[in-house]
Amino acid sequence: MMTRNSLLAMLLTAASFSCGGTSNSLPVDNLDAGEVIDCATDARVFNYQAGMSVKSASGNLNFQLLSSNPGPPAKGTDIWSLKVTNAAGQSQTNLNMSVLPFMPDHGHGTSIDAQITAGADGTYSVKPLYFFMPGVWRITFSTAAPSDNAVFFFCVPG
């Protein structure tokens, strides 16, 4: 027969494996104490700098993060401005693009779908990017034609 204390211990253990975080985040019980999650030292995350770039998986496209508002990306609603160029540096206009914000350590995305609006010069406005909780976020941009993708990793502290 299971005692009340062993049932409680089992529930707390199970809770620690749910949407709990990475080895760089604090245990769930510390969050109630006002502790802050900081994943800035996670080897996967990028240091935000306006104008930073990532190459697509194929290497044929370059995704430049012109700005993030707020910058660096933060908990809440963010707006990004991107510029997409080909390998020769030519602006890529009217791409059919999608974005997927996802927390790889937690196994979930966000409940709000961001919209991507193309500008005439190969720039794209992405809003709202909704980072509703602190932790490591993987933001994947995918293009339909040419079929390609590019990935940004950021720490959203909180």
N, C-alpha and C. Protein backbone atom coordinates (compact mmCIF):
# COMPACT_ATOMS: atom_id res chain seq x y z
N MET A 1 0.85 -1.18 0.00
CA MET A 1 0.00 0.00 0.00
C MET A 1 0.89 1.24 0.00
N MET A 2 0.50 2.22 -0.81
CA MET A 2 1.30 3.43 -0.97
C MET A 2 0.92 4.43 0.12
N THR A 3 1.95 4.98 0.80
CA THR A 3 1.68 5.99 1.82
C THR A 3 1.49 7.34 1.17
N ARG A 4 0.96 8.26 1.93
CA ARG A 4 0.74 9.61 1.42
C ARG A 4 2.06 10.26 1.00
N ASN A 5 3.12 10.08 1.80
CA ASN A 5 4.42 10.67 1.49
C ASN A 5 5.04 10.08 0.23
N SER A 6 4.91 8.75 0.04
CA SER A 6 5.48 8.17 -1.18
C SER A 6 4.68 8.58 -2.40
N LEU A 7 3.37 8.78 -2.27
CA LEU A 7 2.56 9.27 -3.38
C LEU A 7 2.97 10.70 -3.73
N LEU A 8 3.17 11.53 -2.72
CA LEU A 8 3.60 12.90 -2.93
C LEU A 8 4.97 12.94 -3.61
N ALA A 9 5.90 12.11 -3.17
CA ALA A 9 7.23 12.06 -3.77
C ALA A 9 7.14 11.63 -5.24
N MET A 10 6.28 10.67 -5.53
CA MET A 10 6.12 10.21 -6.90
C MET A 10 5.54 11.31 -7.78
N LEU A 11 4.56 12.06 -7.27
CA LEU A 11 3.97 13.14 -8.03
C LEU A 11 4.97 14.26 -8.29
N LEU A 12 5.78 14.59 -7.30
CA LEU A 12 6.80 15.63 -7.48
C LEU A 12 7.86 15.20 -8.50
N THR A 13 8.22 13.94 -8.47
CA THR A 13 9.18 13.43 -9.45
C THR A 13 8.59 13.51 -10.85
N ALA A 14 7.35 13.11 -11.02
CA ALA A 14 6.69 13.18 -12.32
C ALA A 14 6.59 14.62 -12.80
N ALA A 15 6.30 15.54 -11.90
CA ALA A 15 6.18 16.95 -12.27
C ALA A 15 7.51 17.50 -12.75
N SER A 16 8.61 17.01 -12.20
CA SER A 16 9.91 17.52 -12.61
C SER A 16 10.26 17.09 -14.03
N PHE A 17 9.62 16.03 -14.55
CA PHE A 17 9.87 15.59 -15.91
C PHE A 17 8.92 16.21 -16.90
N SER A 18 7.90 16.88 -16.42
CA SER A 18 6.98 17.55 -17.34
C SER A 18 7.63 18.83 -17.80
N CYS A 19 6.90 19.76 -18.30
CA CYS A 19 7.42 21.00 -18.89
C CYS A 19 8.35 21.70 -17.91
N GLY A 20 9.49 21.07 -17.65
CA GLY A 20 10.37 21.57 -16.61
C GLY A 20 11.63 22.22 -17.08
N GLY A 21 12.18 21.84 -18.19
CA GLY A 21 13.33 22.58 -18.66
C GLY A 21 14.55 21.75 -18.91
N THR A 22 15.66 22.44 -18.95
CA THR A 22 16.94 21.87 -19.33
C THR A 22 17.80 21.72 -18.09
N SER A 23 18.97 21.20 -18.32
CA SER A 23 19.92 21.10 -17.23
C SER A 23 20.35 22.48 -16.75
N ASN A 24 20.09 23.51 -17.54
CA ASN A 24 20.45 24.87 -17.17
C ASN A 24 19.32 25.61 -16.46
N SER A 25 18.17 24.97 -16.32
CA SER A 25 17.07 25.65 -15.65
C SER A 25 16.96 25.14 -14.22
N LEU A 26 16.22 25.86 -13.43
CA LEU A 26 16.08 25.53 -12.03
C LEU A 26 14.97 24.52 -11.81
N PRO A 27 15.05 23.73 -10.75
CA PRO A 27 13.95 22.82 -10.44
C PRO A 27 12.67 23.61 -10.21
N VAL A 28 11.54 22.94 -10.41
CA VAL A 28 10.24 23.58 -10.30
C VAL A 28 10.05 24.25 -8.94
N ASP A 29 10.52 23.63 -7.85
CA ASP A 29 10.28 24.20 -6.53
C ASP A 29 11.01 25.53 -6.33
N ASN A 30 12.10 25.78 -7.06
CA ASN A 30 12.81 27.05 -6.93
C ASN A 30 12.08 28.19 -7.62
N LEU A 31 11.23 27.88 -8.60
CA LEU A 31 10.50 28.93 -9.30
C LEU A 31 9.58 29.68 -8.34
N ASP A 32 9.02 28.97 -7.38
CA ASP A 32 8.15 29.61 -6.41
C ASP A 32 8.92 30.54 -5.49
N ALA A 33 10.21 30.35 -5.39
CA ALA A 33 11.02 31.18 -4.51
C ALA A 33 11.48 32.45 -5.21
N GLY A 34 10.99 32.71 -6.43
CA GLY A 34 11.35 33.92 -7.14
C GLY A 34 12.64 33.81 -7.93
N GLU A 35 13.17 32.59 -8.09
CA GLU A 35 14.38 32.39 -8.86
C GLU A 35 14.12 32.67 -10.34
N VAL A 36 15.17 32.98 -11.06
CA VAL A 36 15.07 33.32 -12.47
C VAL A 36 15.71 32.20 -13.30
N ILE A 37 15.03 31.80 -14.37
CA ILE A 37 15.61 30.84 -15.30
C ILE A 37 16.51 31.60 -16.25
N ASP A 38 17.74 31.13 -16.39
CA ASP A 38 18.68 31.76 -17.30
C ASP A 38 19.40 30.67 -18.09
N CYS A 39 19.11 30.61 -19.37
CA CYS A 39 19.71 29.59 -20.24
C CYS A 39 20.77 30.21 -21.15
N ALA A 40 21.25 31.39 -20.81
CA ALA A 40 22.20 32.11 -21.66
C ALA A 40 23.49 31.35 -21.88
N THR A 41 23.85 30.45 -20.99
CA THR A 41 25.10 29.70 -21.16
C THR A 41 24.88 28.40 -21.92
N ASP A 42 23.66 28.12 -22.34
CA ASP A 42 23.36 26.92 -23.12
C ASP A 42 24.12 27.01 -24.44
N ALA A 43 24.85 25.96 -24.79
CA ALA A 43 25.71 25.98 -25.99
C ALA A 43 24.92 26.13 -27.30
N ARG A 44 23.63 25.85 -27.28
CA ARG A 44 22.83 25.94 -28.51
C ARG A 44 22.42 27.36 -28.86
N VAL A 45 22.33 28.24 -27.88
CA VAL A 45 21.74 29.55 -28.12
C VAL A 45 22.72 30.52 -28.75
N PHE A 46 22.14 31.45 -29.53
CA PHE A 46 22.92 32.50 -30.18
C PHE A 46 22.92 33.74 -29.30
N ASN A 47 23.98 34.52 -29.38
CA ASN A 47 24.00 35.83 -28.75
C ASN A 47 23.34 36.79 -29.72
N TYR A 48 22.25 37.40 -29.30
CA TYR A 48 21.51 38.29 -30.18
C TYR A 48 22.34 39.52 -30.52
N GLN A 49 22.30 39.85 -31.81
CA GLN A 49 22.87 41.09 -32.29
C GLN A 49 22.06 41.47 -33.52
N ALA A 50 21.52 42.68 -33.55
CA ALA A 50 20.77 43.13 -34.72
C ALA A 50 21.65 42.97 -35.95
N GLY A 51 21.10 42.36 -36.99
CA GLY A 51 21.84 42.13 -38.23
C GLY A 51 22.49 40.76 -38.32
N MET A 52 22.37 39.96 -37.27
CA MET A 52 22.98 38.63 -37.30
C MET A 52 22.34 37.77 -38.38
N SER A 53 23.08 36.77 -38.88
CA SER A 53 22.59 35.95 -39.98
C SER A 53 22.79 34.47 -39.70
N VAL A 54 21.93 33.66 -40.30
CA VAL A 54 22.12 32.21 -40.33
C VAL A 54 21.89 31.74 -41.77
N LYS A 55 22.66 30.75 -42.16
CA LYS A 55 22.48 30.14 -43.48
C LYS A 55 21.39 29.08 -43.38
N SER A 56 20.72 28.89 -44.50
CA SER A 56 19.70 27.85 -44.55
C SER A 56 20.37 26.47 -44.57
N ALA A 57 19.57 25.43 -44.39
CA ALA A 57 20.09 24.07 -44.36
C ALA A 57 20.86 23.73 -45.64
N SER A 58 20.37 24.20 -46.77
CA SER A 58 21.04 23.91 -48.05
C SER A 58 22.24 24.81 -48.29
N GLY A 59 22.31 25.93 -47.58
CA GLY A 59 23.36 26.91 -47.81
C GLY A 59 23.04 27.87 -48.94
N ASN A 60 21.86 27.71 -49.55
CA ASN A 60 21.48 28.55 -50.69
C ASN A 60 20.82 29.86 -50.28
N LEU A 61 20.35 29.95 -49.05
CA LEU A 61 19.69 31.17 -48.57
C LEU A 61 20.37 31.65 -47.30
N ASN A 62 20.30 32.96 -47.08
CA ASN A 62 20.81 33.58 -45.88
C ASN A 62 19.67 34.34 -45.22
N PHE A 63 19.43 34.07 -43.93
CA PHE A 63 18.37 34.73 -43.18
C PHE A 63 19.03 35.70 -42.21
N GLN A 64 18.83 36.99 -42.44
CA GLN A 64 19.42 38.02 -41.59
C GLN A 64 18.34 38.57 -40.68
N LEU A 65 18.56 38.47 -39.38
CA LEU A 65 17.64 39.02 -38.39
C LEU A 65 18.00 40.50 -38.22
N LEU A 66 17.29 41.34 -38.96
CA LEU A 66 17.57 42.77 -38.92
C LEU A 66 17.32 43.34 -37.54
N SER A 67 16.21 42.92 -36.93
CA SER A 67 15.89 43.42 -35.59
C SER A 67 14.88 42.51 -34.91
N SER A 68 14.91 42.56 -33.59
CA SER A 68 13.91 41.93 -32.75
C SER A 68 13.41 43.01 -31.81
N ASN A 69 12.11 43.13 -31.70
CA ASN A 69 11.53 44.10 -30.78
C ASN A 69 10.67 43.33 -29.79
N PRO A 70 11.12 43.18 -28.54
CA PRO A 70 12.35 43.74 -27.96
C PRO A 70 13.58 42.97 -28.44
N GLY A 71 14.70 43.59 -28.27
CA GLY A 71 15.97 42.95 -28.60
C GLY A 71 16.86 42.95 -27.39
N PRO A 72 17.38 41.83 -27.01
CA PRO A 72 17.21 40.50 -27.58
C PRO A 72 15.80 39.97 -27.35
N PRO A 73 15.45 38.87 -28.03
CA PRO A 73 14.12 38.28 -27.83
C PRO A 73 13.84 38.07 -26.35
N ALA A 74 12.59 38.36 -25.95
CA ALA A 74 12.22 38.31 -24.54
C ALA A 74 10.86 37.64 -24.37
N LYS A 75 10.56 37.29 -23.15
CA LYS A 75 9.28 36.68 -22.82
C LYS A 75 8.16 37.65 -23.19
N GLY A 76 7.14 37.11 -23.85
CA GLY A 76 6.01 37.92 -24.27
C GLY A 76 5.91 37.94 -25.78
N THR A 77 5.37 39.02 -26.31
CA THR A 77 5.15 39.17 -27.74
C THR A 77 6.30 39.94 -28.38
N ASP A 78 6.96 39.29 -29.34
CA ASP A 78 8.08 39.89 -30.04
C ASP A 78 7.72 40.11 -31.51
N ILE A 79 8.40 41.05 -32.14
CA ILE A 79 8.25 41.31 -33.57
C ILE A 79 9.65 41.26 -34.17
N TRP A 80 9.79 40.46 -35.22
CA TRP A 80 11.08 40.35 -35.89
C TRP A 80 11.00 40.93 -37.28
N SER A 81 12.13 41.46 -37.73
CA SER A 81 12.29 41.91 -39.11
C SER A 81 13.45 41.11 -39.70
N LEU A 82 13.18 40.42 -40.82
CA LEU A 82 14.17 39.58 -41.48
C LEU A 82 14.46 40.08 -42.89
N LYS A 83 15.62 39.75 -43.38
CA LYS A 83 15.93 39.93 -44.79
C LYS A 83 16.48 38.60 -45.28
N VAL A 84 15.96 38.14 -46.41
CA VAL A 84 16.39 36.86 -46.98
C VAL A 84 17.08 37.14 -48.31
N THR A 85 18.29 36.60 -48.44
CA THR A 85 19.06 36.73 -49.67
C THR A 85 19.51 35.35 -50.13
N ASN A 86 19.87 35.25 -51.40
CA ASN A 86 20.44 34.00 -51.91
C ASN A 86 21.94 34.00 -51.65
N ALA A 87 22.62 32.95 -52.09
CA ALA A 87 24.05 32.83 -51.84
C ALA A 87 24.86 33.94 -52.49
N ALA A 88 24.30 34.54 -53.55
CA ALA A 88 24.99 35.64 -54.23
C ALA A 88 24.68 37.00 -53.59
N GLY A 89 23.84 37.00 -52.54
CA GLY A 89 23.51 38.25 -51.85
C GLY A 89 22.31 38.99 -52.43
N GLN A 90 21.60 38.37 -53.37
CA GLN A 90 20.43 39.02 -53.98
C GLN A 90 19.20 38.80 -53.10
N SER A 91 18.45 39.87 -52.87
CA SER A 91 17.23 39.80 -52.07
C SER A 91 16.24 38.81 -52.66
N GLN A 92 15.61 38.05 -51.79
CA GLN A 92 14.60 37.07 -52.19
C GLN A 92 13.23 37.61 -51.79
N THR A 93 12.47 38.03 -52.78
CA THR A 93 11.17 38.65 -52.51
C THR A 93 10.05 37.63 -52.67
N ASN A 94 8.96 37.90 -51.98
CA ASN A 94 7.72 37.12 -52.08
C ASN A 94 7.90 35.62 -51.86
N LEU A 95 8.77 35.24 -50.95
CA LEU A 95 8.91 33.84 -50.60
C LEU A 95 7.67 33.38 -49.84
N ASN A 96 7.23 32.17 -50.10
CA ASN A 96 6.17 31.56 -49.31
C ASN A 96 6.84 30.94 -48.09
N MET A 97 6.75 31.65 -46.96
CA MET A 97 7.50 31.27 -45.76
C MET A 97 6.58 31.01 -44.60
N SER A 98 7.04 30.10 -43.71
CA SER A 98 6.34 29.86 -42.45
C SER A 98 7.38 29.89 -41.33
N VAL A 99 6.87 30.03 -40.11
CA VAL A 99 7.75 30.08 -38.94
C VAL A 99 7.18 29.17 -37.86
N LEU A 100 8.08 28.46 -37.17
CA LEU A 100 7.67 27.58 -36.09
C LEU A 100 8.54 27.85 -34.86
N PRO A 101 8.00 28.59 -33.87
CA PRO A 101 8.70 28.74 -32.59
C PRO A 101 8.44 27.48 -31.76
N PHE A 102 9.49 26.90 -31.19
CA PHE A 102 9.37 25.61 -30.50
C PHE A 102 10.38 25.54 -29.37
N MET A 103 9.98 24.97 -28.24
CA MET A 103 10.88 24.74 -27.12
C MET A 103 11.33 23.28 -27.16
N PRO A 104 12.53 23.00 -27.67
CA PRO A 104 12.95 21.62 -27.83
C PRO A 104 13.08 20.84 -26.52
N ASP A 105 13.42 21.51 -25.44
CA ASP A 105 13.57 20.82 -24.17
C ASP A 105 12.23 20.48 -23.53
N HIS A 106 11.20 21.17 -23.93
CA HIS A 106 9.87 20.96 -23.36
C HIS A 106 8.96 20.19 -24.30
N GLY A 107 9.30 20.18 -25.59
CA GLY A 107 8.50 19.44 -26.56
C GLY A 107 7.22 20.14 -26.98
N HIS A 108 7.21 21.47 -26.91
CA HIS A 108 5.99 22.19 -27.33
C HIS A 108 6.34 23.51 -28.01
N GLY A 109 5.36 23.99 -28.75
CA GLY A 109 5.47 25.29 -29.38
C GLY A 109 4.66 26.31 -28.62
N THR A 110 4.12 27.24 -29.34
CA THR A 110 3.31 28.30 -28.76
C THR A 110 1.91 28.24 -29.34
N SER A 111 0.96 28.81 -28.66
CA SER A 111 -0.45 28.72 -29.08
C SER A 111 -0.84 29.81 -30.07
N ILE A 112 0.03 30.77 -30.29
CA ILE A 112 -0.29 31.88 -31.19
C ILE A 112 0.57 31.75 -32.45
N ASP A 113 -0.09 31.69 -33.60
CA ASP A 113 0.62 31.58 -34.88
C ASP A 113 1.10 32.95 -35.34
N ALA A 114 2.39 33.04 -35.62
CA ALA A 114 2.95 34.28 -36.15
C ALA A 114 2.65 34.39 -37.63
N GLN A 115 2.44 35.60 -38.08
CA GLN A 115 2.21 35.88 -39.50
C GLN A 115 3.47 36.51 -40.08
N ILE A 116 3.76 36.13 -41.31
CA ILE A 116 4.92 36.69 -42.01
C ILE A 116 4.41 37.53 -43.16
N THR A 117 4.81 38.80 -43.16
CA THR A 117 4.40 39.74 -44.21
C THR A 117 5.63 40.14 -45.01
N ALA A 118 5.56 39.94 -46.32
CA ALA A 118 6.70 40.25 -47.20
C ALA A 118 6.73 41.73 -47.53
N GLY A 119 7.93 42.29 -47.50
CA GLY A 119 8.17 43.64 -47.99
C GLY A 119 8.64 43.55 -49.44
N ALA A 120 8.72 44.66 -50.11
CA ALA A 120 9.09 44.68 -51.54
C ALA A 120 10.58 44.42 -51.78
N ASP A 121 11.40 44.52 -50.75
CA ASP A 121 12.85 44.46 -50.92
C ASP A 121 13.50 43.21 -50.34
N GLY A 122 12.73 42.15 -50.14
CA GLY A 122 13.29 40.93 -49.56
C GLY A 122 13.28 40.94 -48.05
N THR A 123 12.60 41.94 -47.45
CA THR A 123 12.44 41.96 -46.00
C THR A 123 11.09 41.35 -45.65
N TYR A 124 11.03 40.84 -44.43
CA TYR A 124 9.82 40.18 -43.94
C TYR A 124 9.60 40.58 -42.50
N SER A 125 8.34 40.90 -42.19
CA SER A 125 7.95 41.20 -40.82
C SER A 125 7.30 39.94 -40.24
N VAL A 126 7.74 39.55 -39.05
CA VAL A 126 7.24 38.34 -38.40
C VAL A 126 6.62 38.76 -37.07
N LYS A 127 5.29 38.59 -36.97
CA LYS A 127 4.62 38.97 -35.72
C LYS A 127 3.28 38.27 -35.58
N PRO A 128 2.84 38.05 -34.40
CA PRO A 128 3.61 38.13 -33.15
C PRO A 128 4.34 36.81 -32.90
N LEU A 129 5.60 36.89 -32.56
CA LEU A 129 6.33 35.72 -32.06
C LEU A 129 6.06 35.72 -30.56
N TYR A 130 5.33 34.72 -30.09
CA TYR A 130 4.89 34.72 -28.70
C TYR A 130 5.71 33.69 -27.91
N PHE A 131 6.66 34.21 -27.13
CA PHE A 131 7.48 33.39 -26.25
C PHE A 131 6.88 33.49 -24.85
N PHE A 132 5.99 32.56 -24.54
CA PHE A 132 5.18 32.69 -23.33
C PHE A 132 5.86 32.22 -22.06
N MET A 133 7.02 31.58 -22.19
CA MET A 133 7.72 31.14 -20.99
C MET A 133 9.23 31.18 -21.23
N PRO A 134 10.00 31.27 -20.14
CA PRO A 134 11.45 31.31 -20.28
C PRO A 134 12.01 29.95 -20.66
N GLY A 135 13.15 29.98 -21.33
CA GLY A 135 13.85 28.77 -21.73
C GLY A 135 14.44 28.92 -23.11
N VAL A 136 14.94 27.80 -23.64
CA VAL A 136 15.53 27.80 -24.98
C VAL A 136 14.42 27.67 -26.01
N TRP A 137 14.41 28.57 -26.98
CA TRP A 137 13.44 28.56 -28.07
C TRP A 137 14.19 28.35 -29.39
N ARG A 138 13.67 27.43 -30.20
CA ARG A 138 14.17 27.21 -31.56
C ARG A 138 13.15 27.81 -32.51
N ILE A 139 13.58 28.75 -33.34
CA ILE A 139 12.69 29.42 -34.28
C ILE A 139 13.12 28.99 -35.68
N THR A 140 12.26 28.21 -36.34
CA THR A 140 12.58 27.66 -37.65
C THR A 140 11.76 28.37 -38.71
N PHE A 141 12.47 28.92 -39.70
CA PHE A 141 11.82 29.52 -40.86
C PHE A 141 11.94 28.54 -42.01
N SER A 142 10.81 28.24 -42.65
CA SER A 142 10.78 27.32 -43.79
C SER A 142 10.25 28.03 -45.02
N THR A 143 10.85 27.72 -46.15
CA THR A 143 10.39 28.27 -47.42
C THR A 143 9.85 27.11 -48.27
N ALA A 144 8.81 27.42 -49.06
CA ALA A 144 8.19 26.39 -49.89
C ALA A 144 8.95 26.21 -51.21
N ALA A 145 9.28 27.30 -51.87
CA ALA A 145 9.99 27.21 -53.16
C ALA A 145 11.00 28.35 -53.23
N PRO A 146 12.25 28.07 -53.07
CA PRO A 146 12.84 26.74 -52.95
C PRO A 146 12.58 26.16 -51.55
N SER A 147 12.47 24.85 -51.47
CA SER A 147 12.23 24.19 -50.19
C SER A 147 13.51 24.23 -49.36
N ASP A 148 13.45 24.95 -48.24
CA ASP A 148 14.64 25.14 -47.42
C ASP A 148 14.19 25.58 -46.04
N ASN A 149 15.12 25.62 -45.10
CA ASN A 149 14.80 26.14 -43.77
C ASN A 149 16.05 26.68 -43.10
N ALA A 150 15.81 27.58 -42.16
CA ALA A 150 16.89 28.18 -41.36
C ALA A 150 16.43 28.23 -39.91
N VAL A 151 17.37 28.07 -39.00
CA VAL A 151 17.02 27.94 -37.58
C VAL A 151 17.81 28.95 -36.75
N PHE A 152 17.08 29.64 -35.88
CA PHE A 152 17.67 30.50 -34.84
C PHE A 152 17.39 29.85 -33.49
N PHE A 153 18.33 29.89 -32.58
CA PHE A 153 18.14 29.44 -31.19
C PHE A 153 18.40 30.62 -30.28
N PHE A 154 17.44 30.91 -29.40
CA PHE A 154 17.63 31.98 -28.43
C PHE A 154 17.21 31.53 -27.05
N CYS A 155 17.85 32.10 -26.05
CA CYS A 155 17.44 31.94 -24.67
C CYS A 155 16.49 33.08 -24.35
N VAL A 156 15.31 32.72 -23.85
CA VAL A 156 14.36 33.72 -23.37
C VAL A 156 14.41 33.61 -21.84
N PRO A 157 15.09 34.55 -21.18
CA PRO A 157 15.20 34.48 -19.72
C PRO A 157 13.88 34.87 -19.06
N GLY A 158 13.75 34.49 -17.84
CA GLY A 158 12.53 34.89 -17.12
C GLY A 158 12.55 34.47 -15.69
